């Protein structure tokens, strides 16, 4: 893996550093929030190292702090982390193989996957994924530890406003997706169900009931037309591999090249030796005359033997 780090340029390294800095700031907010809710100081640091999933950790501690069931908190955290399934399918080459894959799956996060998918070269994709993943693994527990220390020193952490950092980041990530009608309808329906059921259900269950918004989104996503480029690409892949029992697709016809100044018509070459004029000498094995090397009309090459005598006699009779 040492050689892949050479593929990272200065701009890419600065982008990864900026992402890690932002994750560290959110980690500070996570640590202060955990201490303010009465959790022990070691818990956010351990969760930040073992779980390494900010959304799931925030949700888990929030449900427990509100008096919810630990089972509901775990289920809600697993639901949030279910997005890692398509993440792993999208970048299998960057995660690694063998024992290294275990660490590669552990450091998988939103930022590392997003930056890796932006790279077209496989080596750069792997380098960006591991650099960002290991960076987040280092700064997230460190930020949580700093947040714990800050929350211990400052009596009222809410006055700093750090508890609003993570929700603000989530809202900024969600807003662009709300431009789609199906997504907006699903979010609106799920939010309404969660808010209406919160007074009657234990903490954590309203979050799970928010999945009812998918009932609104799924039928509408199926009816959405496929973009023309994607349809043509899929049709090309289907025609490239013909199924068994069906003939392979025919190749497109070769376009006809019409005679022009750049492509003059080819001269027909005689197919037999007896079709040549008498004036043309038969070709020899060492010096065969091409059709375009024939003498012009009216020109008689030098003849020999009986043929030359016959030509001379006919010329005298004509004169």
C-alpha atoms as a PDB file:
ATOM      1  CA  UNK A   1       0.000   0.000   0.000  1.00  0.00           C
ATOM      2  CA  UNK A   2       3.013   2.291   0.234  1.00  0.00           C
ATOM      3  CA  UNK A   3       3.066   3.024  -3.481  1.00  0.00           C
ATOM      4  CA  UNK A   4      -0.536   4.252  -3.678  1.00  0.00           C
ATOM      5  CA  UNK A   5       0.185   7.293  -1.509  1.00  0.00           C
ATOM      6  CA  UNK A   6       2.292   8.729  -4.319  1.00  0.00           C
ATOM      7  CA  UNK A   7      -0.854   9.142  -6.422  1.00  0.00           C
ATOM      8  CA  UNK A   8      -2.242  11.823  -4.073  1.00  0.00           C
ATOM      9  CA  UNK A   9      -1.566  15.370  -5.185  1.00  0.00           C
ATOM     10  CA  UNK A  10      -1.529  18.486  -3.008  1.00  0.00           C
ATOM     11  CA  UNK A  11      -5.140  19.517  -3.682  1.00  0.00           C
ATOM     12  CA  UNK A  12      -6.449  16.062  -2.813  1.00  0.00           C
ATOM     13  CA  UNK A  13      -4.494  15.991   0.440  1.00  0.00           C
ATOM     14  CA  UNK A  14      -5.819  19.431   1.387  1.00  0.00           C
ATOM     15  CA  UNK A  15      -9.387  18.309   0.643  1.00  0.00           C
ATOM     16  CA  UNK A  16      -8.992  15.236   2.848  1.00  0.00           C
ATOM     17  CA  UNK A  17      -7.505  17.392   5.614  1.00  0.00           C
ATOM     18  CA  UNK A  18     -10.464  19.792   5.438  1.00  0.00           C
ATOM     19  CA  UNK A  19     -12.904  16.891   5.706  1.00  0.00           C
ATOM     20  CA  UNK A  20     -11.069  15.475   8.717  1.00  0.00           C
ATOM     21  CA  UNK A  21     -11.071  18.895  10.387  1.00  0.00           C
ATOM     22  CA  UNK A  22     -14.835  19.186   9.962  1.00  0.00           C
ATOM     23  CA  UNK A  23     -15.326  15.670  11.348  1.00  0.00           C
ATOM     24  CA  UNK A  24     -13.163  16.592  14.353  1.00  0.00           C
ATOM     25  CA  UNK A  25     -15.335  19.634  15.100  1.00  0.00           C
ATOM     26  CA  UNK A  26     -18.449  17.445  14.979  1.00  0.00           C
ATOM     27  CA  UNK A  27     -16.662  15.027  17.317  1.00  0.00           C
ATOM     28  CA  UNK A  28     -16.201  17.822  19.839  1.00  0.00           C
ATOM     29  CA  UNK A  29     -19.931  18.486  19.638  1.00  0.00           C
ATOM     30  CA  UNK A  30     -20.570  14.770  20.134  1.00  0.00           C
ATOM     31  CA  UNK A  31     -18.404  14.609  23.263  1.00  0.00           C
ATOM     32  CA  UNK A  32     -19.933  17.682  24.892  1.00  0.00           C
ATOM     33  CA  UNK A  33     -23.454  16.463  24.129  1.00  0.00           C
ATOM     34  CA  UNK A  34     -22.749  13.047  25.685  1.00  0.00           C
ATOM     35  CA  UNK A  35     -21.359  14.596  28.874  1.00  0.00           C
ATOM     36  CA  UNK A  36     -24.251  17.055  29.091  1.00  0.00           C
ATOM     37  CA  UNK A  37     -26.734  14.177  28.915  1.00  0.00           C
ATOM     38  CA  UNK A  38     -25.096  12.451  31.884  1.00  0.00           C
ATOM     39  CA  UNK A  39     -23.125   9.697  30.170  1.00  0.00           C
ATOM     40  CA  UNK A  40     -19.692   8.684  31.502  1.00  0.00           C
ATOM     41  CA  UNK A  41     -16.686  10.352  29.922  1.00  0.00           C
ATOM     42  CA  UNK A  42     -15.271   7.139  28.463  1.00  0.00           C
ATOM     43  CA  UNK A  43     -18.441   6.129  26.573  1.00  0.00           C
ATOM     44  CA  UNK A  44     -18.302   8.573  23.602  1.00  0.00           C
ATOM     45  CA  UNK A  45     -14.588   7.900  23.139  1.00  0.00           C
ATOM     46  CA  UNK A  46     -15.087   4.111  23.096  1.00  0.00           C
ATOM     47  CA  UNK A  47     -18.097   4.340  20.800  1.00  0.00           C
ATOM     48  CA  UNK A  48     -16.191   6.697  18.519  1.00  0.00           C
ATOM     49  CA  UNK A  49     -13.405   4.128  18.177  1.00  0.00           C
ATOM     50  CA  UNK A  50     -15.389   0.889  18.012  1.00  0.00           C
ATOM     51  CA  UNK A  51     -18.539   1.985  16.168  1.00  0.00           C
ATOM     52  CA  UNK A  52     -17.085   4.898  14.162  1.00  0.00           C
ATOM     53  CA  UNK A  53     -20.474   6.052  12.899  1.00  0.00           C
ATOM     54  CA  UNK A  54     -21.416   9.545  13.979  1.00  0.00           C
ATOM     55  CA  UNK A  55     -25.087   9.403  13.028  1.00  0.00           C
ATOM     56  CA  UNK A  56     -25.681   6.087  14.764  1.00  0.00           C
ATOM     57  CA  UNK A  57     -23.816   7.191  17.885  1.00  0.00           C
ATOM     58  CA  UNK A  58     -25.763  10.456  18.154  1.00  0.00           C
ATOM     59  CA  UNK A  59     -29.026   8.578  17.676  1.00  0.00           C
ATOM     60  CA  UNK A  60     -28.103   5.823  20.139  1.00  0.00           C
ATOM     61  CA  UNK A  61     -27.170   8.229  22.933  1.00  0.00           C
ATOM     62  CA  UNK A  62     -30.181  10.434  22.193  1.00  0.00           C
ATOM     63  CA  UNK A  63     -32.656   7.555  22.516  1.00  0.00           C
ATOM     64  CA  UNK A  64     -31.027   6.275  25.724  1.00  0.00           C
ATOM     65  CA  UNK A  65     -30.957   9.780  27.225  1.00  0.00           C
ATOM     66  CA  UNK A  66     -34.664  10.226  26.438  1.00  0.00           C
ATOM     67  CA  UNK A  67     -35.489   7.037  28.363  1.00  0.00           C
ATOM     68  CA  UNK A  68     -35.904   4.774  25.359  1.00  0.00           C
ATOM     69  CA  UNK A  69     -35.200   1.075  25.217  1.00  0.00           C
ATOM     70  CA  UNK A  70     -31.614  -0.012  24.455  1.00  0.00           C
ATOM     71  CA  UNK A  71     -33.028  -2.455  21.892  1.00  0.00           C
ATOM     72  CA  UNK A  72     -34.794   0.385  20.062  1.00  0.00           C
ATOM     73  CA  UNK A  73     -31.593   2.425  20.220  1.00  0.00           C
ATOM     74  CA  UNK A  74     -29.558  -0.413  18.706  1.00  0.00           C
ATOM     75  CA  UNK A  75     -32.140  -1.043  15.980  1.00  0.00           C
ATOM     76  CA  UNK A  76     -32.240   2.645  15.107  1.00  0.00           C
ATOM     77  CA  UNK A  77     -28.433   2.735  14.919  1.00  0.00           C
ATOM     78  CA  UNK A  78     -28.361  -0.337  12.661  1.00  0.00           C
ATOM     79  CA  UNK A  79     -31.003   1.252  10.461  1.00  0.00           C
ATOM     80  CA  UNK A  80     -28.897   4.358  10.002  1.00  0.00           C
ATOM     81  CA  UNK A  81     -25.805   2.277   9.276  1.00  0.00           C
ATOM     82  CA  UNK A  82     -27.654   0.225   6.636  1.00  0.00           C
ATOM     83  CA  UNK A  83     -26.357   2.709   4.063  1.00  0.00           C
ATOM     84  CA  UNK A  84     -22.965   0.994   4.349  1.00  0.00           C
ATOM     85  CA  UNK A  85     -24.327  -1.957   2.371  1.00  0.00           C
ATOM     86  CA  UNK A  86     -24.504  -0.046  -0.939  1.00  0.00           C
ATOM     87  CA  UNK A  87     -21.285   1.731   0.020  1.00  0.00           C
ATOM     88  CA  UNK A  88     -19.445  -1.591   0.117  1.00  0.00           C
ATOM     89  CA  UNK A  89     -20.916  -2.641  -3.229  1.00  0.00           C
ATOM     90  CA  UNK A  90     -19.855   0.607  -4.890  1.00  0.00           C
ATOM     91  CA  UNK A  91     -16.145   0.487  -3.949  1.00  0.00           C
ATOM     92  CA  UNK A  92     -15.155  -3.166  -3.430  1.00  0.00           C
ATOM     93  CA  UNK A  93     -11.714  -2.633  -4.958  1.00  0.00           C
ATOM     94  CA  UNK A  94     -10.828   0.184  -2.552  1.00  0.00           C
ATOM     95  CA  UNK A  95     -11.762  -1.681   0.627  1.00  0.00           C
ATOM     96  CA  UNK A  96      -9.066  -4.302   0.121  1.00  0.00           C
ATOM     97  CA  UNK A  97      -8.851  -8.079   0.378  1.00  0.00           C
ATOM     98  CA  UNK A  98      -7.994 -10.596   3.074  1.00  0.00           C
ATOM     99  CA  UNK A  99      -7.460  -9.402   6.647  1.00  0.00           C
ATOM    100  CA  UNK A 100      -7.062  -5.840   5.389  1.00  0.00           C
ATOM    101  CA  UNK A 101     -10.727  -5.858   4.370  1.00  0.00           C
ATOM    102  CA  UNK A 102     -11.804  -5.966   8.022  1.00  0.00           C
ATOM    103  CA  UNK A 103     -10.051  -2.671   8.696  1.00  0.00           C
ATOM    104  CA  UNK A 104     -11.258  -1.276   5.375  1.00  0.00           C
ATOM    105  CA  UNK A 105     -14.876  -1.988   6.276  1.00  0.00           C
ATOM    106  CA  UNK A 106     -14.401  -0.503   9.745  1.00  0.00           C
ATOM    107  CA  UNK A 107     -13.085   2.835   8.439  1.00  0.00           C
ATOM    108  CA  UNK A 108     -15.911   3.114   5.875  1.00  0.00           C
ATOM    109  CA  UNK A 109     -17.772   6.397   6.283  1.00  0.00           C
ATOM    110  CA  UNK A 110     -19.718   8.881   4.214  1.00  0.00           C
ATOM    111  CA  UNK A 111     -16.788  11.200   3.574  1.00  0.00           C
ATOM    112  CA  UNK A 112     -14.326   8.483   2.527  1.00  0.00           C
ATOM    113  CA  UNK A 113     -16.816   6.876   0.141  1.00  0.00           C
ATOM    114  CA  UNK A 114     -17.824  10.210  -1.415  1.00  0.00           C
ATOM    115  CA  UNK A 115     -14.218  11.238  -2.060  1.00  0.00           C
ATOM    116  CA  UNK A 116     -13.281   7.795  -3.380  1.00  0.00           C
ATOM    117  CA  UNK A 117     -16.172   7.671  -5.849  1.00  0.00           C
ATOM    118  CA  UNK A 118     -15.032  11.011  -7.276  1.00  0.00           C
ATOM    119  CA  UNK A 119     -11.784   9.397  -8.475  1.00  0.00           C
ATOM    120  CA  UNK A 120     -11.680   7.512 -11.778  1.00  0.00           C
ATOM    121  CA  UNK A 121      -8.261   5.908 -11.375  1.00  0.00           C
ATOM    122  CA  UNK A 122      -8.405   2.719  -9.221  1.00  0.00           C
ATOM    123  CA  UNK A 123      -5.112   3.463  -7.468  1.00  0.00           C
ATOM    124  CA  UNK A 124      -6.133   7.021  -6.600  1.00  0.00           C
ATOM    125  CA  UNK A 125      -9.548   5.782  -5.471  1.00  0.00           C
ATOM    126  CA  UNK A 126      -7.923   3.340  -3.064  1.00  0.00           C
ATOM    127  CA  UNK A 127      -5.468   5.937  -1.776  1.00  0.00           C
ATOM    128  CA  UNK A 128      -8.186   8.553  -1.188  1.00  0.00           C
ATOM    129  CA  UNK A 129     -10.447   6.039   0.541  1.00  0.00           C
ATOM    130  CA  UNK A 130      -7.785   4.827   2.959  1.00  0.00           C
ATOM    131  CA  UNK A 131      -6.380   8.293   3.637  1.00  0.00           C
ATOM    132  CA  UNK A 132      -9.796   9.727   4.480  1.00  0.00           C
ATOM    133  CA  UNK A 133     -10.957   6.620   6.355  1.00  0.00           C
ATOM    134  CA  UNK A 134      -7.871   6.437   8.568  1.00  0.00           C
ATOM    135  CA  UNK A 135      -7.993  10.209   9.084  1.00  0.00           C
ATOM    136  CA  UNK A 136     -11.596  10.035  10.312  1.00  0.00           C
ATOM    137  CA  UNK A 137     -10.680   7.086  12.536  1.00  0.00           C
ATOM    138  CA  UNK A 138      -8.050   9.287  14.188  1.00  0.00           C
ATOM    139  CA  UNK A 139      -9.918  12.606  14.502  1.00  0.00           C
ATOM    140  CA  UNK A 140     -13.389  11.363  15.472  1.00  0.00           C
ATOM    141  CA  UNK A 141     -12.439   9.775  18.837  1.00  0.00           C
ATOM    142  CA  UNK A 142      -9.946  12.598  19.394  1.00  0.00           C
ATOM    143  CA  UNK A 143     -12.690  15.181  18.873  1.00  0.00           C
ATOM    144  CA  UNK A 144     -14.980  13.243  21.195  1.00  0.00           C
ATOM    145  CA  UNK A 145     -12.250  13.241  23.862  1.00  0.00           C
ATOM    146  CA  UNK A 146     -11.787  17.003  23.471  1.00  0.00           C
ATOM    147  CA  UNK A 147     -15.543  17.458  23.716  1.00  0.00           C
ATOM    148  CA  UNK A 148     -15.643  15.398  26.887  1.00  0.00           C
ATOM    149  CA  UNK A 149     -12.908  17.541  28.415  1.00  0.00           C
ATOM    150  CA  UNK A 150     -14.649  20.724  27.343  1.00  0.00           C
ATOM    151  CA  UNK A 151     -17.957  19.503  28.714  1.00  0.00           C
ATOM    152  CA  UNK A 152     -16.330  18.684  32.040  1.00  0.00           C
ATOM    153  CA  UNK A 153     -14.761  22.139  32.354  1.00  0.00           C
ATOM    154  CA  UNK A 154     -17.735  24.175  31.126  1.00  0.00           C
ATOM    155  CA  UNK A 155     -20.858  23.736  33.258  1.00  0.00           C
ATOM    156  CA  UNK A 156     -23.332  24.846  30.584  1.00  0.00           C
ATOM    157  CA  UNK A 157     -22.209  23.428  27.207  1.00  0.00           C
ATOM    158  CA  UNK A 158     -25.490  24.447  25.579  1.00  0.00           C
ATOM    159  CA  UNK A 159     -24.341  28.071  25.776  1.00  0.00           C
ATOM    160  CA  UNK A 160     -21.558  27.254  23.277  1.00  0.00           C
ATOM    161  CA  UNK A 161     -24.031  25.943  20.723  1.00  0.00           C
ATOM    162  CA  UNK A 162     -21.937  22.858  19.951  1.00  0.00           C
ATOM    163  CA  UNK A 163     -24.961  20.604  20.273  1.00  0.00           C
ATOM    164  CA  UNK A 164     -26.366  22.176  17.102  1.00  0.00           C
ATOM    165  CA  UNK A 165     -23.345  21.407  14.921  1.00  0.00           C
ATOM    166  CA  UNK A 166     -24.280  17.849  13.974  1.00  0.00           C
ATOM    167  CA  UNK A 167     -27.976  18.549  13.216  1.00  0.00           C
ATOM    168  CA  UNK A 168     -26.902  21.525  11.089  1.00  0.00           C
ATOM    169  CA  UNK A 169     -24.537  19.298   9.090  1.00  0.00           C
ATOM    170  CA  UNK A 170     -27.287  16.715   8.547  1.00  0.00           C
ATOM    171  CA  UNK A 171     -29.729  19.372   7.348  1.00  0.00           C
ATOM    172  CA  UNK A 172     -27.120  20.712   4.911  1.00  0.00           C
ATOM    173  CA  UNK A 173     -26.624  17.218   3.512  1.00  0.00           C
ATOM    174  CA  UNK A 174     -30.349  16.516   3.182  1.00  0.00           C
ATOM    175  CA  UNK A 175     -31.480  19.792   1.578  1.00  0.00           C
ATOM    176  CA  UNK A 176     -30.175  19.105  -1.977  1.00  0.00           C
ATOM    177  CA  UNK A 177     -32.027  15.761  -2.085  1.00  0.00           C
ATOM    178  CA  UNK A 178     -35.352  17.423  -1.208  1.00  0.00           C
ATOM    179  CA  UNK A 179     -35.561  18.919  -4.696  1.00  0.00           C
ATOM    180  CA  UNK A 180     -36.904  15.582  -5.901  1.00  0.00           C
ATOM    181  CA  UNK A 181     -40.676  15.293  -5.396  1.00  0.00           C
ATOM    182  CA  UNK A 182     -40.632  11.639  -4.373  1.00  0.00           C
ATOM    183  CA  UNK A 183     -37.872  12.225  -1.830  1.00  0.00           C
ATOM    184  CA  UNK A 184     -39.547  15.336  -0.447  1.00  0.00           C
ATOM    185  CA  UNK A 185     -42.871  13.518  -0.071  1.00  0.00           C
ATOM    186  CA  UNK A 186     -41.236  10.581   1.713  1.00  0.00           C
ATOM    187  CA  UNK A 187     -39.386  12.900   4.120  1.00  0.00           C
ATOM    188  CA  UNK A 188     -42.511  14.937   4.823  1.00  0.00           C
ATOM    189  CA  UNK A 189     -44.624  11.847   5.489  1.00  0.00           C
ATOM    190  CA  UNK A 190     -41.963  10.208   7.684  1.00  0.00           C
ATOM    191  CA  UNK A 191     -41.444  13.402   9.673  1.00  0.00           C
ATOM    192  CA  UNK A 192     -45.174  13.822  10.245  1.00  0.00           C
ATOM    193  CA  UNK A 193     -45.560  10.221  11.435  1.00  0.00           C
ATOM    194  CA  UNK A 194     -42.588  10.569  13.816  1.00  0.00           C
ATOM    195  CA  UNK A 195     -43.855  13.835  15.297  1.00  0.00           C
ATOM    196  CA  UNK A 196     -47.438  12.601  15.746  1.00  0.00           C
ATOM    197  CA  UNK A 197     -46.375   9.335  17.360  1.00  0.00           C
ATOM    198  CA  UNK A 198     -43.741  10.813  19.702  1.00  0.00           C
ATOM    199  CA  UNK A 199     -46.205  11.669  22.549  1.00  0.00           C
ATOM    200  CA  UNK A 200     -47.606   8.123  22.592  1.00  0.00           C
ATOM    201  CA  UNK A 201     -44.605   5.855  21.907  1.00  0.00           C
ATOM    202  CA  UNK A 202     -41.306   5.277  23.732  1.00  0.00           C
ATOM    203  CA  UNK A 203     -38.243   7.091  22.503  1.00  0.00           C
ATOM    204  CA  UNK A 204     -36.693   5.462  19.446  1.00  0.00           C
ATOM    205  CA  UNK A 205     -39.845   3.919  17.984  1.00  0.00           C
ATOM    206  CA  UNK A 206     -41.006   7.126  16.226  1.00  0.00           C
ATOM    207  CA  UNK A 207     -37.701   7.123  14.335  1.00  0.00           C
ATOM    208  CA  UNK A 208     -38.405   3.591  13.118  1.00  0.00           C
ATOM    209  CA  UNK A 209     -41.987   4.511  12.188  1.00  0.00           C
ATOM    210  CA  UNK A 210     -40.620   7.310  10.003  1.00  0.00           C
ATOM    211  CA  UNK A 211     -39.815   4.573   7.463  1.00  0.00           C
ATOM    212  CA  UNK A 212     -43.483   4.672   6.452  1.00  0.00           C
ATOM    213  CA  UNK A 213     -42.444   7.508   4.158  1.00  0.00           C
ATOM    214  CA  UNK A 214     -41.042   4.848   1.839  1.00  0.00           C
ATOM    215  CA  UNK A 215     -44.616   3.776   1.111  1.00  0.00           C
ATOM    216  CA  UNK A 216     -45.070   7.104  -0.629  1.00  0.00           C
ATOM    217  CA  UNK A 217     -41.726   7.137  -2.418  1.00  0.00           C
ATOM    218  CA  UNK A 218     -41.405   3.592  -3.804  1.00  0.00           C
ATOM    219  CA  UNK A 219     -44.328   3.646  -6.322  1.00  0.00           C
ATOM    220  CA  UNK A 220     -43.283   7.052  -7.634  1.00  0.00           C
ATOM    221  CA  UNK A 221     -39.654   6.073  -8.038  1.00  0.00           C
ATOM    222  CA  UNK A 222     -40.714   3.090 -10.158  1.00  0.00           C
ATOM    223  CA  UNK A 223     -42.748   5.306 -12.479  1.00  0.00           C
ATOM    224  CA  UNK A 224     -39.901   7.724 -13.094  1.00  0.00           C
ATOM    225  CA  UNK A 225     -38.530   7.405 -16.659  1.00  0.00           C
ATOM    226  CA  UNK A 226     -35.016   6.168 -17.096  1.00  0.00           C
ATOM    227  CA  UNK A 227     -32.668   8.820 -18.563  1.00  0.00           C
ATOM    228  CA  UNK A 228     -31.914   8.353 -22.251  1.00  0.00           C
ATOM    229  CA  UNK A 229     -28.193   7.912 -21.696  1.00  0.00           C
ATOM    230  CA  UNK A 230     -28.738   5.200 -19.078  1.00  0.00           C
ATOM    231  CA  UNK A 231     -31.288   3.428 -21.264  1.00  0.00           C
ATOM    232  CA  UNK A 232     -28.986   3.433 -24.287  1.00  0.00           C
ATOM    233  CA  UNK A 233     -26.108   2.165 -22.162  1.00  0.00           C
ATOM    234  CA  UNK A 234     -28.214  -0.665 -20.746  1.00  0.00           C
ATOM    235  CA  UNK A 235     -29.542  -1.547 -24.211  1.00  0.00           C
ATOM    236  CA  UNK A 236     -26.010  -1.661 -25.552  1.00  0.00           C
ATOM    237  CA  UNK A 237     -24.922  -4.017 -22.792  1.00  0.00           C
ATOM    238  CA  UNK A 238     -27.903  -6.304 -23.417  1.00  0.00           C
ATOM    239  CA  UNK A 239     -27.198  -6.485 -27.148  1.00  0.00           C
ATOM    240  CA  UNK A 240     -23.507  -7.122 -26.579  1.00  0.00           C
ATOM    241  CA  UNK A 241     -24.186 -10.369 -24.745  1.00  0.00           C
ATOM    242  CA  UNK A 242     -26.835 -12.358 -26.624  1.00  0.00           C
ATOM    243  CA  UNK A 243     -28.630 -14.960 -24.463  1.00  0.00           C
ATOM    244  CA  UNK A 244     -28.525 -18.629 -25.267  1.00  0.00           C
ATOM    245  CA  UNK A 245     -30.929 -19.713 -27.999  1.00  0.00           C
ATOM    246  CA  UNK A 246     -30.961 -16.294 -29.663  1.00  0.00           C
ATOM    247  CA  UNK A 247     -28.795 -15.158 -32.536  1.00  0.00           C
ATOM    248  CA  UNK A 248     -26.072 -12.674 -31.864  1.00  0.00           C
ATOM    249  CA  UNK A 249     -26.815  -9.124 -32.958  1.00  0.00           C
ATOM    250  CA  UNK A 250     -25.820  -8.303 -36.512  1.00  0.00           C
ATOM    251  CA  UNK A 251     -23.019  -5.876 -37.081  1.00  0.00           C
ATOM    252  CA  UNK A 252     -24.032  -2.574 -38.639  1.00  0.00           C
ATOM    253  CA  UNK A 253     -23.523  -2.385 -42.413  1.00  0.00           C
ATOM    254  CA  UNK A 254     -20.279  -0.946 -43.673  1.00  0.00           C
ATOM    255  CA  UNK A 255     -20.947   2.458 -45.245  1.00  0.00           C
ATOM    256  CA  UNK A 256     -20.412   2.636 -48.993  1.00  0.00           C
ATOM    257  CA  UNK A 257     -17.521   4.864 -50.081  1.00  0.00           C
ATOM    258  CA  UNK A 258     -18.499   6.754 -53.224  1.00  0.00           C
ATOM    259  CA  UNK A 259     -15.829   7.784 -55.717  1.00  0.00           C
ATOM    260  CA  UNK A 260     -14.486  11.266 -55.158  1.00  0.00           C
ATOM    261  CA  UNK A 261     -11.313  13.258 -55.529  1.00  0.00           C
ATOM    262  CA  UNK A 262      -9.937  11.678 -52.368  1.00  0.00           C
ATOM    263  CA  UNK A 263     -11.145   8.164 -53.237  1.00  0.00           C
ATOM    264  CA  UNK A 264     -10.872   7.634 -57.051  1.00  0.00           C
ATOM    265  CA  UNK A 265     -12.517   4.500 -58.512  1.00  0.00           C
ATOM    266  CA  UNK A 266     -10.246   1.481 -58.757  1.00  0.00           C
ATOM    267  CA  UNK A 267      -9.466   0.198 -62.244  1.00  0.00           C
ATOM    268  CA  UNK A 268     -10.560  -3.287 -63.105  1.00  0.00           C
ATOM    269  CA  UNK A 269      -7.718  -5.676 -63.504  1.00  0.00           C
ATOM    270  CA  UNK A 270      -8.022  -8.242 -66.340  1.00  0.00           C
ATOM    271  CA  UNK A 271      -8.831 -11.715 -65.110  1.00  0.00           C
ATOM    272  CA  UNK A 272      -7.059 -13.734 -67.862  1.00  0.00           C
ATOM    273  CA  UNK A 273      -3.960 -13.391 -69.960  1.00  0.00           C
ATOM    274  CA  UNK A 274      -5.828 -13.715 -73.338  1.00  0.00           C
ATOM    275  CA  UNK A 275      -7.828 -10.557 -72.594  1.00  0.00           C
ATOM    276  CA  UNK A 276      -4.684  -8.402 -72.950  1.00  0.00           C
ATOM    277  CA  UNK A 277      -4.114  -6.525 -76.238  1.00  0.00           C
ATOM    278  CA  UNK A 278      -1.614  -8.002 -78.646  1.00  0.00           C
ATOM    279  CA  UNK A 279       0.622  -5.016 -78.114  1.00  0.00           C
ATOM    280  CA  UNK A 280       1.098  -5.788 -74.410  1.00  0.00           C
ATOM    281  CA  UNK A 281       3.945  -8.189 -73.698  1.00  0.00           C
ATOM    282  CA  UNK A 282       3.033 -11.047 -71.394  1.00  0.00           C
ATOM    283  CA  UNK A 283       4.188 -10.406 -67.829  1.00  0.00           C
ATOM    284  CA  UNK A 284       7.202 -12.255 -66.577  1.00  0.00           C
ATOM    285  CA  UNK A 285       7.768 -13.569 -63.101  1.00  0.00           C
ATOM    286  CA  UNK A 286      10.409 -10.940 -62.414  1.00  0.00           C
ATOM    287  CA  UNK A 287       8.754  -7.887 -63.976  1.00  0.00           C
ATOM    288  CA  UNK A 288       4.991  -7.933 -64.093  1.00  0.00           C
ATOM    289  CA  UNK A 289       3.322  -4.813 -65.494  1.00  0.00           C
ATOM    290  CA  UNK A 290       0.476  -3.297 -63.484  1.00  0.00           C
ATOM    291  CA  UNK A 291      -2.730  -2.092 -65.185  1.00  0.00           C
ATOM    292  CA  UNK A 292      -1.857   1.548 -64.526  1.00  0.00           C
ATOM    293  CA  UNK A 293       1.569   1.050 -66.275  1.00  0.00           C
ATOM    294  CA  UNK A 294       0.018   0.237 -69.676  1.00  0.00           C
ATOM    295  CA  UNK A 295       1.094   2.451 -72.630  1.00  0.00           C
ATOM    296  CA  UNK A 296      -1.459   4.914 -73.968  1.00  0.00           C
ATOM    297  CA  UNK A 297      -3.709   4.070 -76.941  1.00  0.00           C
ATOM    298  CA  UNK A 298      -2.046   4.197 -80.369  1.00  0.00           C
ATOM    299  CA  UNK A 299       1.392   3.446 -78.990  1.00  0.00           C
ATOM    300  CA  UNK A 300       2.967   0.174 -80.163  1.00  0.00           C
ATOM    301  CA  UNK A 301       5.856  -1.198 -78.200  1.00  0.00           C
ATOM    302  CA  UNK A 302       8.845  -2.618 -80.006  1.00  0.00           C
ATOM    303  CA  UNK A 303       7.986  -6.017 -81.478  1.00  0.00           C
ATOM    304  CA  UNK A 304      10.361  -8.817 -82.421  1.00  0.00           C
ATOM    305  CA  UNK A 305      10.453 -11.736 -84.853  1.00  0.00           C
ATOM    306  CA  UNK A 306       7.515 -12.509 -87.123  1.00  0.00           C
ATOM    307  CA  UNK A 307       5.302  -9.995 -85.480  1.00  0.00           C
ATOM    308  CA  UNK A 308       7.626  -7.083 -86.305  1.00  0.00           C
ATOM    309  CA  UNK A 309       7.860  -8.214 -89.938  1.00  0.00           C
ATOM    310  CA  UNK A 310       4.091  -8.451 -90.222  1.00  0.00           C
ATOM    311  CA  UNK A 311       3.685  -4.943 -88.849  1.00  0.00           C
ATOM    312  CA  UNK A 312       6.272  -3.547 -91.327  1.00  0.00           C
ATOM    313  CA  UNK A 313       4.646  -5.307 -94.314  1.00  0.00           C
ATOM    314  CA  UNK A 314       1.189  -3.978 -93.472  1.00  0.00           C
ATOM    315  CA  UNK A 315       2.639  -0.458 -93.173  1.00  0.00           C
ATOM    316  CA  UNK A 316       4.186  -0.668 -96.714  1.00  0.00           C
ATOM    317  CA  UNK A 317       0.941  -1.908 -98.243  1.00  0.00           C
ATOM    318  CA  UNK A 318      -0.964   0.948 -96.679  1.00  0.00           C
ATOM    319  CA  UNK A 319       1.466   3.542 -98.038  1.00  0.00           C
END
